[in-house]
C-alpha atoms as a PDB file:
ATOM      1  CA  MET A   1     -25.980  13.019  10.292  1.00  0.00           C
ATOM      2  CA  ARG A   2     -25.371   9.137   9.592  1.00  0.00           C
ATOM      3  CA  MET A   3     -22.155   8.473   7.806  1.00  0.00           C
ATOM      4  CA  ILE A   4     -20.972   4.922   7.036  1.00  0.00           C
ATOM      5  CA  LEU A   5     -17.086   4.607   6.451  1.00  0.00           C
ATOM      6  CA  PHE A   6     -15.883   1.584   3.597  1.00  0.00           C
ATOM      7  CA  SER A   7     -12.720  -0.395   4.291  1.00  0.00           C
ATOM      8  CA  SER A   8     -12.785   0.532   7.708  1.00  0.00           C
ATOM      9  CA  ARG A   9     -10.018  -1.240  10.124  1.00  0.00           C
ATOM     10  CA  GLN A  10     -10.135  -0.957  13.761  1.00  0.00           C
ATOM     11  CA  TYR A  11      -7.604   1.924  13.516  1.00  0.00           C
ATOM     12  CA  ASP A  12      -9.993   4.250  11.271  1.00  0.00           C
ATOM     13  CA  ARG A  13     -12.664   3.134  13.963  1.00  0.00           C
ATOM     14  CA  ASP A  14     -10.068   4.120  17.229  1.00  0.00           C
ATOM     15  CA  THR A  15      -8.870   7.497  14.852  1.00  0.00           C
ATOM     16  CA  PHE A  16     -12.395   8.249  13.673  1.00  0.00           C
ATOM     17  CA  ALA A  17     -13.945   7.859  17.178  1.00  0.00           C
ATOM     18  CA  GLU A  18     -11.878  10.074  18.821  1.00  0.00           C
ATOM     19  CA  ALA A  19     -12.137  12.868  16.404  1.00  0.00           C
ATOM     20  CA  ASN A  20     -15.936  12.352  16.171  1.00  0.00           C
ATOM     21  CA  ALA A  21     -16.145  13.990  19.821  1.00  0.00           C
ATOM     22  CA  SER A  22     -16.058  17.018  18.085  1.00  0.00           C
ATOM     23  CA  PHE A  23     -18.617  16.430  15.493  1.00  0.00           C
ATOM     24  CA  HIS A  24     -21.184  14.291  17.154  1.00  0.00           C
ATOM     25  CA  TYR A  25     -22.071  12.327  13.743  1.00  0.00           C
ATOM     26  CA  GLU A  26     -23.698   8.800  13.571  1.00  0.00           C
ATOM     27  CA  LEU A  27     -21.112   6.583  12.460  1.00  0.00           C
ATOM     28  CA  HIS A  28     -20.943   3.168  10.900  1.00  0.00           C
ATOM     29  CA  PHE A  29     -17.664   1.351  10.224  1.00  0.00           C
ATOM     30  CA  GLN A  30     -18.123  -1.220   7.583  1.00  0.00           C
ATOM     31  CA  GLU A  31     -14.767  -3.714   6.744  1.00  0.00           C
ATOM     32  CA  SER A  32     -16.184  -4.594   3.243  1.00  0.00           C
ATOM     33  CA  TYR A  33     -14.993  -2.491   0.040  1.00  0.00           C
ATOM     34  CA  LEU A  34     -17.402  -0.595  -1.691  1.00  0.00           C
ATOM     35  CA  ASP A  35     -18.360  -1.930  -4.795  1.00  0.00           C
ATOM     36  CA  SER A  36     -21.446  -2.721  -6.837  1.00  0.00           C
ATOM     37  CA  GLU A  37     -22.558  -5.585  -4.554  1.00  0.00           C
ATOM     38  CA  THR A  38     -21.801  -3.600  -1.045  1.00  0.00           C
ATOM     39  CA  ALA A  39     -23.339  -0.042  -1.761  1.00  0.00           C
ATOM     40  CA  ILE A  40     -26.684  -1.339  -0.836  1.00  0.00           C
ATOM     41  CA  LEU A  41     -25.162  -1.238   2.961  1.00  0.00           C
ATOM     42  CA  ALA A  42     -25.009   2.239   2.380  1.00  0.00           C
ATOM     43  CA  HIS A  43     -28.592   2.662   1.764  1.00  0.00           C
ATOM     44  CA  GLY A  44     -30.106   5.517   3.909  1.00  0.00           C
ATOM     45  CA  TYR A  45     -26.705   7.084   4.687  1.00  0.00           C
ATOM     46  CA  GLU A  46     -26.524  10.523   3.736  1.00  0.00           C
ATOM     47  CA  VAL A  47     -22.503  10.453   3.477  1.00  0.00           C
ATOM     48  CA  VAL A  48     -20.592   7.572   2.276  1.00  0.00           C
ATOM     49  CA  CYS A  49     -16.875   7.633   3.105  1.00  0.00           C
ATOM     50  CA  PRO A  50     -14.534   5.555   0.693  1.00  0.00           C
ATOM     51  CA  PHE A  51     -10.993   4.656   0.743  1.00  0.00           C
ATOM     52  CA  VAL A  52      -8.223   4.499  -1.728  1.00  0.00           C
ATOM     53  CA  ASN A  53      -9.451   1.000  -3.356  1.00  0.00           C
ATOM     54  CA  ASP A  54     -12.930   1.372  -2.836  1.00  0.00           C
ATOM     55  CA  MET A  55     -15.038   1.371  -6.430  1.00  0.00           C
ATOM     56  CA  VAL A  56     -16.826   4.648  -6.995  1.00  0.00           C
ATOM     57  CA  ASP A  57     -17.785   4.380 -10.572  1.00  0.00           C
ATOM     58  CA  ALA A  58     -20.949   5.472 -12.116  1.00  0.00           C
ATOM     59  CA  ALA A  59     -22.986   2.344 -11.080  1.00  0.00           C
ATOM     60  CA  VAL A  60     -22.125   2.525  -7.507  1.00  0.00           C
ATOM     61  CA  LEU A  61     -22.623   6.381  -7.362  1.00  0.00           C
ATOM     62  CA  GLU A  62     -26.145   5.794  -8.828  1.00  0.00           C
ATOM     63  CA  GLN A  63     -26.907   2.633  -6.579  1.00  0.00           C
ATOM     64  CA  LEU A  64     -25.832   5.016  -3.348  1.00  0.00           C
ATOM     65  CA  HIS A  65     -27.763   8.102  -5.088  1.00  0.00           C
ATOM     66  CA  ALA A  66     -30.680   6.060  -4.745  1.00  0.00           C
ATOM     67  CA  GLY A  67     -30.138   5.098  -1.671  1.00  0.00           C
ATOM     68  CA  GLY A  68     -29.948   8.578  -0.392  1.00  0.00           C
ATOM     69  CA  THR A  69     -26.787   9.581  -0.107  1.00  0.00           C
ATOM     70  CA  ARG A  70     -25.648  13.561  -1.030  1.00  0.00           C
ATOM     71  CA  LEU A  71     -21.947  13.200  -0.249  1.00  0.00           C
ATOM     72  CA  ILE A  72     -18.625  11.053  -0.985  1.00  0.00           C
ATOM     73  CA  ALA A  73     -16.462  12.013   1.803  1.00  0.00           C
ATOM     74  CA  LEU A  74     -13.254  10.571   0.467  1.00  0.00           C
ATOM     75  CA  ARG A  75     -10.616  10.063   3.541  1.00  0.00           C
ATOM     76  CA  SER A  76      -7.708  10.112   0.761  1.00  0.00           C
ATOM     77  CA  ALA A  77      -5.632  12.472  -1.237  1.00  0.00           C
ATOM     78  CA  GLY A  78      -6.581  10.237  -4.799  1.00  0.00           C
ATOM     79  CA  PHE A  79      -9.674  10.806  -6.409  1.00  0.00           C
ATOM     80  CA  ASN A  80      -8.788   8.664  -9.228  1.00  0.00           C
ATOM     81  CA  HIS A  81     -11.026   5.785  -8.134  1.00  0.00           C
ATOM     82  CA  VAL A  82     -14.318   8.349  -8.396  1.00  0.00           C
ATOM     83  CA  ASP A  83     -15.996   8.900 -11.417  1.00  0.00           C
ATOM     84  CA  LEU A  84     -16.347  12.412 -11.230  1.00  0.00           C
ATOM     85  CA  ALA A  85     -18.512  12.863 -13.857  1.00  0.00           C
ATOM     86  CA  ALA A  86     -21.012  10.815 -12.817  1.00  0.00           C
ATOM     87  CA  ALA A  87     -21.058  12.275  -9.636  1.00  0.00           C
ATOM     88  CA  GLU A  88     -21.332  15.901 -10.850  1.00  0.00           C
ATOM     89  CA  ARG A  89     -24.150  14.675 -12.764  1.00  0.00           C
ATOM     90  CA  LEU A  90     -26.166  13.317 -10.358  1.00  0.00           C
ATOM     91  CA  GLY A  91     -25.578  16.495  -7.600  1.00  0.00           C
ATOM     92  CA  MET A  92     -22.642  14.584  -5.355  1.00  0.00           C
ATOM     93  CA  PRO A  93     -20.567  16.861  -4.156  1.00  0.00           C
ATOM     94  CA  VAL A  94     -16.876  14.465  -3.807  1.00  0.00           C
ATOM     95  CA  LEU A  95     -14.496  15.906  -1.191  1.00  0.00           C
ATOM     96  CA  HIS A  96     -11.045  14.842  -0.406  1.00  0.00           C
ATOM     97  CA  VAL A  97      -8.265  15.109   2.183  1.00  0.00           C
ATOM     98  CA  PRO A  98      -5.658  16.894   0.070  1.00  0.00           C
ATOM     99  CA  ALA A  99      -2.505  16.793   2.417  1.00  0.00           C
ATOM    100  CA  TYR A 100      -3.024  14.752   5.657  1.00  0.00           C
ATOM    101  CA  SER A 101       0.823  14.196   6.091  1.00  0.00           C
ATOM    102  CA  PRO A 102       3.329  14.977   3.428  1.00  0.00           C
ATOM    103  CA  HIS A 103       5.843  14.018   5.791  1.00  0.00           C
ATOM    104  CA  ALA A 104       4.519  10.447   6.624  1.00  0.00           C
ATOM    105  CA  VAL A 105       4.894   9.475   2.634  1.00  0.00           C
ATOM    106  CA  ALA A 106       7.987  11.324   1.903  1.00  0.00           C
ATOM    107  CA  GLU A 107       9.783   9.707   4.796  1.00  0.00           C
ATOM    108  CA  HIS A 108       8.220   6.286   3.941  1.00  0.00           C
ATOM    109  CA  ALA A 109       9.677   6.988   0.442  1.00  0.00           C
ATOM    110  CA  VAL A 110      13.190   7.639   2.268  1.00  0.00           C
ATOM    111  CA  GLY A 111      12.975   4.663   4.179  1.00  0.00           C
ATOM    112  CA  LEU A 112      12.622   2.750   1.363  1.00  0.00           C
ATOM    113  CA  ILE A 113      15.682   3.989  -0.569  1.00  0.00           C
ATOM    114  CA  LEU A 114      17.720   3.203   2.558  1.00  0.00           C
ATOM    115  CA  ALA A 115      15.864   0.177   3.026  1.00  0.00           C
ATOM    116  CA  LEU A 116      17.140  -0.871  -0.707  1.00  0.00           C
ATOM    117  CA  ASN A 117      20.457   0.695  -0.836  1.00  0.00           C
ATOM    118  CA  ARG A 118      22.090  -0.812   2.424  1.00  0.00           C
ATOM    119  CA  ARG A 119      19.757  -4.375   2.048  1.00  0.00           C
ATOM    120  CA  LEU A 120      18.431  -3.901   5.134  1.00  0.00           C
ATOM    121  CA  PRO A 121      15.922  -6.787   4.804  1.00  0.00           C
ATOM    122  CA  ARG A 122      18.874  -9.226   3.737  1.00  0.00           C
ATOM    123  CA  ALA A 123      21.001  -7.659   6.725  1.00  0.00           C
ATOM    124  CA  VAL A 124      18.269  -8.499   9.304  1.00  0.00           C
ATOM    125  CA  ALA A 125      17.497 -12.145   8.368  1.00  0.00           C
ATOM    126  CA  ARG A 126      21.121 -13.000   8.378  1.00  0.00           C
ATOM    127  CA  THR A 127      22.041 -11.666  11.811  1.00  0.00           C
ATOM    128  CA  ARG A 128      18.973 -13.447  13.103  1.00  0.00           C
ATOM    129  CA  GLU A 129      20.394 -16.433  11.414  1.00  0.00           C
ATOM    130  CA  GLY A 130      23.942 -15.944  12.942  1.00  0.00           C
ATOM    131  CA  ASP A 131      24.679 -14.829   9.892  1.00  0.00           C
ATOM    132  CA  PHE A 132      27.395 -11.775  10.410  1.00  0.00           C
ATOM    133  CA  SER A 133      29.277 -11.698   7.304  1.00  0.00           C
ATOM    134  CA  LEU A 134      29.223  -8.713   4.968  1.00  0.00           C
ATOM    135  CA  THR A 135      29.152 -10.490   1.278  1.00  0.00           C
ATOM    136  CA  GLY A 136      26.552  -9.251  -1.073  1.00  0.00           C
ATOM    137  CA  LEU A 137      25.219  -6.158   1.383  1.00  0.00           C
ATOM    138  CA  LEU A 138      27.326  -3.411  -0.390  1.00  0.00           C
ATOM    139  CA  GLY A 139      25.703  -0.384  -0.734  1.00  0.00           C
ATOM    140  CA  PHE A 140      26.439   2.876  -2.204  1.00  0.00           C
ATOM    141  CA  ASP A 141      26.878   6.817  -0.563  1.00  0.00           C
ATOM    142  CA  LEU A 142      23.783   8.744  -1.188  1.00  0.00           C
ATOM    143  CA  HIS A 143      25.962  12.334  -0.583  1.00  0.00           C
ATOM    144  CA  GLY A 144      26.916  13.107  -4.332  1.00  0.00           C
ATOM    145  CA  LYS A 145      24.046  11.365  -6.111  1.00  0.00           C
ATOM    146  CA  THR A 146      21.496  12.263  -8.467  1.00  0.00           C
ATOM    147  CA  VAL A 147      17.716  12.231  -7.424  1.00  0.00           C
ATOM    148  CA  GLY A 148      15.043  12.502  -9.407  1.00  0.00           C
ATOM    149  CA  VAL A 149      11.513  14.052  -8.118  1.00  0.00           C
ATOM    150  CA  VAL A 150       8.515  13.564 -10.105  1.00  0.00           C
ATOM    151  CA  GLY A 151       5.813  15.291  -8.912  1.00  0.00           C
ATOM    152  CA  THR A 152       6.584  18.576  -7.102  1.00  0.00           C
ATOM    153  CA  GLY A 153       3.469  18.974  -5.076  1.00  0.00           C
ATOM    154  CA  VAL A 154       3.488  19.039  -1.503  1.00  0.00           C
ATOM    155  CA  ILE A 155       4.679  15.512  -0.665  1.00  0.00           C
ATOM    156  CA  GLY A 156       7.492  15.339  -3.844  1.00  0.00           C
ATOM    157  CA  ARG A 157       8.796  19.103  -2.312  1.00  0.00           C
ATOM    158  CA  THR A 158       8.932  17.347   1.412  1.00  0.00           C
ATOM    159  CA  PHE A 159      10.873  14.393  -0.216  1.00  0.00           C
ATOM    160  CA  GLY A 160      13.137  16.757  -2.211  1.00  0.00           C
ATOM    161  CA  ARG A 161      13.940  18.835   1.018  1.00  0.00           C
ATOM    162  CA  ILE A 162      14.883  15.304   3.068  1.00  0.00           C
ATOM    163  CA  MET A 163      16.935  13.932  -0.235  1.00  0.00           C
ATOM    164  CA  ALA A 164      19.253  17.433  -0.491  1.00  0.00           C
ATOM    165  CA  GLY A 165      20.107  16.959   3.510  1.00  0.00           C
ATOM    166  CA  PHE A 166      21.640  13.998   2.294  1.00  0.00           C
ATOM    167  CA  GLY A 167      23.946  16.017  -0.094  1.00  0.00           C
ATOM    168  CA  THR A 168      22.181  14.552  -3.136  1.00  0.00           C
ATOM    169  CA  GLN A 169      21.491  16.726  -6.283  1.00  0.00           C
ATOM    170  CA  LEU A 170      18.118  17.186  -6.894  1.00  0.00           C
ATOM    171  CA  VAL A 171      16.499  17.180 -10.738  1.00  0.00           C
ATOM    172  CA  ALA A 172      13.045  17.449 -10.803  1.00  0.00           C
ATOM    173  CA  TYR A 173      10.268  17.322 -13.372  1.00  0.00           C
ATOM    174  CA  ASP A 174       6.335  18.785 -12.989  1.00  0.00           C
ATOM    175  CA  PRO A 175       4.080  20.302 -15.682  1.00  0.00           C
ATOM    176  CA  GLY A 176       3.324  22.945 -12.853  1.00  0.00           C
ATOM    177  CA  PRO A 177       5.353  25.957 -12.089  1.00  0.00           C
ATOM    178  CA  PRO A 178       8.571  25.137 -10.481  1.00  0.00           C
ATOM    179  CA  ALA A 179       8.682  24.903  -6.527  1.00  0.00           C
ATOM    180  CA  ASP A 180      10.535  28.078  -5.087  1.00  0.00           C
ATOM    181  CA  ASP A 181      11.920  25.792  -2.213  1.00  0.00           C
ATOM    182  CA  LEU A 182      13.374  23.299  -4.365  1.00  0.00           C
ATOM    183  CA  LEU A 183      14.700  25.611  -6.781  1.00  0.00           C
ATOM    184  CA  ALA A 184      16.531  27.405  -3.494  1.00  0.00           C
ATOM    185  CA  LEU A 185      18.048  23.915  -2.830  1.00  0.00           C
ATOM    186  CA  GLY A 186      19.312  24.020  -5.780  1.00  0.00           C
ATOM    187  CA  ALA A 187      16.613  21.972  -8.033  1.00  0.00           C
ATOM    188  CA  GLN A 188      16.942  21.877 -11.744  1.00  0.00           C
ATOM    189  CA  TYR A 189      13.316  21.307 -13.196  1.00  0.00           C
ATOM    190  CA  VAL A 190      14.153  19.194 -16.396  1.00  0.00           C
ATOM    191  CA  PRO A 191      12.066  17.147 -19.065  1.00  0.00           C
ATOM    192  CA  LEU A 192      11.122  13.599 -17.470  1.00  0.00           C
ATOM    193  CA  ASP A 193      12.994  12.087 -20.374  1.00  0.00           C
ATOM    194  CA  THR A 194      16.421  14.253 -18.762  1.00  0.00           C
ATOM    195  CA  LEU A 195      15.399  13.084 -15.259  1.00  0.00           C
ATOM    196  CA  LEU A 196      15.180   9.728 -16.159  1.00  0.00           C
ATOM    197  CA  ALA A 197      18.512   9.725 -17.944  1.00  0.00           C
ATOM    198  CA  SER A 198      20.543  11.687 -15.322  1.00  0.00           C
ATOM    199  CA  ALA A 199      18.787  10.449 -11.655  1.00  0.00           C
ATOM    200  CA  ASP A 200      20.697   7.395  -9.987  1.00  0.00           C
ATOM    201  CA  ILE A 201      17.179   7.170  -7.660  1.00  0.00           C
ATOM    202  CA  VAL A 202      13.797   8.344  -9.430  1.00  0.00           C
ATOM    203  CA  SER A 203      10.885   8.777  -6.628  1.00  0.00           C
ATOM    204  CA  LEU A 204       7.240   9.106  -8.260  1.00  0.00           C
ATOM    205  CA  HIS A 205       4.990  11.497  -6.642  1.00  0.00           C
ATOM    206  CA  CYS A 206       2.209  12.532  -9.188  1.00  0.00           C
ATOM    207  CA  PRO A 207      -1.610  11.845  -9.006  1.00  0.00           C
ATOM    208  CA  LEU A 208      -2.975   9.240 -11.553  1.00  0.00           C
ATOM    209  CA  VAL A 209      -4.513  11.191 -13.975  1.00  0.00           C
ATOM    210  CA  PRO A 210      -4.854  10.121 -17.731  1.00  0.00           C
ATOM    211  CA  ALA A 211      -1.804  12.233 -18.598  1.00  0.00           C
ATOM    212  CA  THR A 212       0.227  10.037 -15.900  1.00  0.00           C
ATOM    213  CA  HIS A 213      -1.174   6.948 -16.701  1.00  0.00           C
ATOM    214  CA  HIS A 214       2.074   4.113 -17.275  1.00  0.00           C
ATOM    215  CA  MET A 215       4.094   7.335 -17.399  1.00  0.00           C
ATOM    216  CA  ILE A 216       6.873   4.791 -15.972  1.00  0.00           C
ATOM    217  CA  ASP A 217       6.807   1.791 -19.012  1.00  0.00           C
ATOM    218  CA  THR A 218       8.893   0.090 -20.890  1.00  0.00           C
ATOM    219  CA  ALA A 219      10.195   2.601 -23.175  1.00  0.00           C
ATOM    220  CA  ALA A 220      10.721   4.932 -20.233  1.00  0.00           C
ATOM    221  CA  LEU A 221      12.364   2.215 -17.922  1.00  0.00           C
ATOM    222  CA  ALA A 222      14.968   2.050 -21.207  1.00  0.00           C
ATOM    223  CA  LYS A 223      15.756   5.502 -20.515  1.00  0.00           C
ATOM    224  CA  MET A 224      16.771   5.456 -17.310  1.00  0.00           C
ATOM    225  CA  LYS A 225      20.356   5.269 -15.991  1.00  0.00           C
ATOM    226  CA  ARG A 226      21.196   1.777 -16.031  1.00  0.00           C
ATOM    227  CA  GLY A 227      21.172   0.204 -12.512  1.00  0.00           C
ATOM    228  CA  ALA A 228      19.135   3.024 -10.951  1.00  0.00           C
ATOM    229  CA  MET A 229      16.929   2.948  -8.548  1.00  0.00           C
ATOM    230  CA  LEU A 230      12.998   3.138  -8.888  1.00  0.00           C
ATOM    231  CA  ILE A 231      10.723   4.429  -5.945  1.00  0.00           C
ATOM    232  CA  ASN A 232       6.979   4.114  -6.304  1.00  0.00           C
ATOM    233  CA  THR A 233       4.940   6.017  -3.557  1.00  0.00           C
ATOM    234  CA  GLY A 234       2.526   7.787  -5.238  1.00  0.00           C
ATOM    235  CA  ARG A 235      -0.007   6.023  -7.363  1.00  0.00           C
ATOM    236  CA  GLY A 236       0.039   2.068  -8.561  1.00  0.00           C
ATOM    237  CA  GLY A 237      -0.868   3.016 -12.043  1.00  0.00           C
ATOM    238  CA  LEU A 238       1.684   5.465 -12.834  1.00  0.00           C
ATOM    239  CA  VAL A 239       4.149   2.318 -12.950  1.00  0.00           C
ATOM    240  CA  GLU A 240       3.113  -0.082 -15.647  1.00  0.00           C
ATOM    241  CA  SER A 241       3.978  -3.343 -13.598  1.00  0.00           C
ATOM    242  CA  ASN A 242       4.381  -5.953 -16.419  1.00  0.00           C
ATOM    243  CA  ALA A 243       7.523  -4.014 -17.546  1.00  0.00           C
ATOM    244  CA  LEU A 244       8.967  -4.057 -14.345  1.00  0.00           C
ATOM    245  CA  VAL A 245       9.927  -7.490 -14.517  1.00  0.00           C
ATOM    246  CA  GLY A 246      12.112  -7.992 -17.619  1.00  0.00           C
ATOM    247  CA  ALA A 247      14.219  -4.571 -16.431  1.00  0.00           C
ATOM    248  CA  LEU A 248      15.060  -5.951 -13.248  1.00  0.00           C
ATOM    249  CA  LYS A 249      15.635  -9.146 -15.045  1.00  0.00           C
ATOM    250  CA  SER A 250      17.875  -7.494 -17.366  1.00  0.00           C
ATOM    251  CA  GLY A 251      19.335  -5.490 -14.651  1.00  0.00           C
ATOM    252  CA  GLN A 252      18.493  -2.086 -16.576  1.00  0.00           C
ATOM    253  CA  LEU A 253      16.713  -1.337 -13.148  1.00  0.00           C
ATOM    254  CA  GLY A 254      18.862  -1.847 -10.075  1.00  0.00           C
ATOM    255  CA  HIS A 255      16.254  -1.641  -7.351  1.00  0.00           C
ATOM    256  CA  LEU A 256      12.797  -1.065  -6.990  1.00  0.00           C
ATOM    257  CA  GLY A 257      10.870   0.330  -3.929  1.00  0.00           C
ATOM    258  CA  LEU A 258       7.255   0.276  -4.555  1.00  0.00           C
ATOM    259  CA  ASP A 259       3.787   1.112  -1.645  1.00  0.00           C
ATOM    260  CA  VAL A 260       1.396   0.977  -4.526  1.00  0.00           C
ATOM    261  CA  TYR A 261       0.700  -0.957  -7.121  1.00  0.00           C
ATOM    262  CA  GLU A 262      -1.901  -1.271  -9.836  1.00  0.00           C
ATOM    263  CA  GLU A 263      -3.530  -4.017  -8.988  1.00  0.00           C
ATOM    264  CA  GLU A 264      -3.685  -3.533  -5.376  1.00  0.00           C
ATOM    265  CA  ALA A 265      -7.730  -3.376  -4.976  1.00  0.00           C
ATOM    266  CA  GLY A 266      -8.639  -6.650  -3.069  1.00  0.00           C
ATOM    267  CA  LEU A 267      -5.017  -7.360  -2.403  1.00  0.00           C
ATOM    268  CA  PHE A 268      -3.348  -4.724   0.145  1.00  0.00           C
ATOM    269  CA  PHE A 269      -5.004  -4.357   3.648  1.00  0.00           C
ATOM    270  CA  GLU A 270      -5.636  -7.885   3.578  1.00  0.00           C
ATOM    271  CA  ASP A 271      -3.751 -10.683   5.416  1.00  0.00           C
ATOM    272  CA  HIS A 272      -3.374 -13.361   2.604  1.00  0.00           C
ATOM    273  CA  SER A 273      -0.776 -15.346   3.897  1.00  0.00           C
ATOM    274  CA  ASP A 274      -2.354 -18.556   4.471  1.00  0.00           C
ATOM    275  CA  THR A 275      -3.471 -18.789   0.677  1.00  0.00           C
ATOM    276  CA  PRO A 276      -1.234 -18.475  -2.725  1.00  0.00           C
ATOM    277  CA  LEU A 277      -0.187 -15.023  -4.379  1.00  0.00           C
ATOM    278  CA  GLN A 278      -2.387 -14.835  -7.339  1.00  0.00           C
ATOM    279  CA  ASP A 279      -1.073 -12.139  -8.772  1.00  0.00           C
ATOM    280  CA  ASP A 280       1.495 -13.378 -10.885  1.00  0.00           C
ATOM    281  CA  VAL A 281       3.402 -10.235 -11.508  1.00  0.00           C
ATOM    282  CA  LEU A 282       3.618  -9.064  -8.010  1.00  0.00           C
ATOM    283  CA  ALA A 283       4.692 -12.555  -7.024  1.00  0.00           C
ATOM    284  CA  ARG A 284       7.674 -12.303  -9.221  1.00  0.00           C
ATOM    285  CA  LEU A 285       8.308  -9.015  -8.242  1.00  0.00           C
ATOM    286  CA  LEU A 286       8.423 -10.284  -4.618  1.00  0.00           C
ATOM    287  CA  MET A 287      11.013 -12.890  -5.654  1.00  0.00           C
ATOM    288  CA  PHE A 288      14.101 -10.349  -6.707  1.00  0.00           C
ATOM    289  CA  PRO A 289      16.164  -9.817  -3.412  1.00  0.00           C
ATOM    290  CA  ASN A 290      16.729  -6.141  -5.044  1.00  0.00           C
ATOM    291  CA  VAL A 291      12.537  -4.926  -4.597  1.00  0.00           C
ATOM    292  CA  ILE A 292      11.042  -4.420  -1.595  1.00  0.00           C
ATOM    293  CA  VAL A 293       7.331  -3.912  -1.415  1.00  0.00           C
ATOM    294  CA  THR A 294       5.062  -2.129   1.285  1.00  0.00           C
ATOM    295  CA  ALA A 295       1.322  -2.755   1.331  1.00  0.00           C
ATOM    296  CA  HIS A 296       0.438   1.095   0.795  1.00  0.00           C
ATOM    297  CA  GLN A 297       1.446   2.034   4.323  1.00  0.00           C
ATOM    298  CA  ALA A 298       3.381   5.377   3.493  1.00  0.00           C
ATOM    299  CA  PHE A 299       0.644   7.402   5.055  1.00  0.00           C
ATOM    300  CA  PHE A 300       0.167   5.021   7.885  1.00  0.00           C
ATOM    301  CA  THR A 301       1.587   7.355  11.000  1.00  0.00           C
ATOM    302  CA  ARG A 302      -0.572   8.472  13.879  1.00  0.00           C
ATOM    303  CA  GLU A 303      -0.209  11.827  12.873  1.00  0.00           C
ATOM    304  CA  ALA A 304      -1.701  11.482   9.274  1.00  0.00           C
ATOM    305  CA  MET A 305      -4.297   9.144  10.376  1.00  0.00           C
ATOM    306  CA  ASN A 306      -5.561  11.992  13.046  1.00  0.00           C
ATOM    307  CA  GLU A 307      -5.270  14.148  10.234  1.00  0.00           C
ATOM    308  CA  ILE A 308      -7.330  12.071   7.822  1.00  0.00           C
ATOM    309  CA  ALA A 309      -9.959  12.082  10.455  1.00  0.00           C
ATOM    310  CA  GLN A 310     -10.377  15.623  11.502  1.00  0.00           C
ATOM    311  CA  THR A 311      -9.951  16.488   7.963  1.00  0.00           C
ATOM    312  CA  THR A 312     -12.852  14.422   6.662  1.00  0.00           C
ATOM    313  CA  LEU A 313     -15.475  14.947   9.471  1.00  0.00           C
ATOM    314  CA  GLY A 314     -14.181  18.596   9.056  1.00  0.00           C
ATOM    315  CA  ASN A 315     -14.995  18.587   5.116  1.00  0.00           C
ATOM    316  CA  VAL A 316     -18.435  16.818   6.271  1.00  0.00           C
ATOM    317  CA  LYS A 317     -19.401  19.960   8.602  1.00  0.00           C
ATOM    318  CA  ALA A 318     -18.396  22.286   6.210  1.00  0.00           C
ATOM    319  CA  TRP A 319     -20.754  21.153   3.531  1.00  0.00           C
ATOM    320  CA  SER A 320     -23.641  20.853   5.840  1.00  0.00           C
ATOM    321  CA  ASP A 321     -23.162  24.235   6.746  1.00  0.00           C
ATOM    322  CA  GLY A 322     -23.089  25.618   3.285  1.00  0.00           C
ATOM    323  CA  VAL A 323     -19.099  26.146   2.789  1.00  0.00           C
ATOM    324  CA  PRO A 324     -17.837  22.928   1.550  1.00  0.00           C
ATOM    325  CA  ARG A 325     -14.324  22.886   1.035  1.00  0.00           C
ATOM    326  CA  ASN A 326     -11.403  20.237  -0.454  1.00  0.00           C
ATOM    327  CA  VAL A 327     -13.978  19.956  -3.370  1.00  0.00           C
ATOM    328  CA  VAL A 328     -12.792  17.673  -6.193  1.00  0.00           C
ATOM    329  CA  ALA A 329     -16.553  17.510  -8.063  1.00  0.00           C
ATOM    330  CA  HIS A 330     -18.327  21.073  -7.759  1.00  0.00           C
ATOM    331  CA  MET A 331     -22.052  20.770  -6.697  1.00  0.00           C
ATOM    332  CA  PRO A 332     -24.272  22.797  -4.159  1.00  0.00           C
ATOM    333  CA  ALA A 333     -23.499  21.805  -0.440  1.00  0.00           C
ATOM    334  CA  ARG A 334     -26.524  20.795   0.231  1.00  0.00           C
ATOM    335  CA  GLY A 335     -29.805  19.514  -1.662  1.00  0.00           C
END
C-alpha cells in the first residue's frame, strides 16, 4: 500500500521507517504542507498522512479523492483541521492517534510553569554573561497554590496528577463526567468562570471544537485572578491571541506559556531565524519577559514519536483489514 506523509521531517522519517519494518508499506515523505497547491503530490497514493498544520478542507479532500486517495490517516490527536463532513460525503475515513503520549504533553506544561515561575530563561542568560545576581528572579512556591485544569481527558488528568504531587489544590472544568482519579486527589469540579477566578495557574487541555474556540478571550482573561499564569499546550484556537497582549500589559495576566498558537500554520516547525517575524501579535508576545513560547514541541519525545508511528501505521492496517479503529469520520473500511 502506498502512503504519503506531508509536513514530514527527518525525525518522522526515522521513526516511521523503523515502525514500518512490521508493516512493509511504501512510504513517501513530503516536507511541504498539504494544501490545495500540494495535494496533487498525493496523486496515486491510497493513504494520505497529514500533520497538525496541514490543510485538509473540502477542496483538498476533493483533490485527494480524485487522485485515488481512500484514507486520511492523521498522525495527531487533533482533527480540527479536517473537514469531517466533506470526508464523510466523499466516503473517506479519517483516523487519528488519540493518545500517543499524555505524559509528554503534560510534562511540557509543567516545564513551562516551572520555567516561567522561576524565570529560568532570564537566569540562564544572565549566568552565561557572568551575571550571578538574583534581582528580578523572585518566584513563588507551587505548594499550596490552586491549579485550574481545563479539560480532564487523558492529558489533563496526567497533568493534574503531576501538579498534585507539588502539593497544589486542583480545580477542574470539563463538560463531561468528572475524572475519578482527580476526584481521589481532592480536585473540585467547578464552572469555568469559578475556575478562572480562583486559580493561580490555569492550564488548557481541550480539543478545539466550536464550543471551545476562543474560550479564553478578553472577558475570560478579565475573570482570572490578577497576576495568574496561563498555560496552553492544547490548541492555539482555544485562546484569542489579540487579547493576550492587553492582559499582559495591564498586569492582569502575570505569566503566559504557549506551546500552540492560533496562527502557527506556516510558522511553527520551520526555521525563520533569518527573516523578520511577520506575525505582529506573536512578535509582541515574545517581547514580554514573562512569556515563553515553544513551537508545538510538547508532544516531541522519543516515546511519543514512536507511539505516533506505530499507532498511525496500525490504524492503516486495521482499516485495510476491514476493522477500522480510532475513527473520527465513519466510513466503510474499503471501497
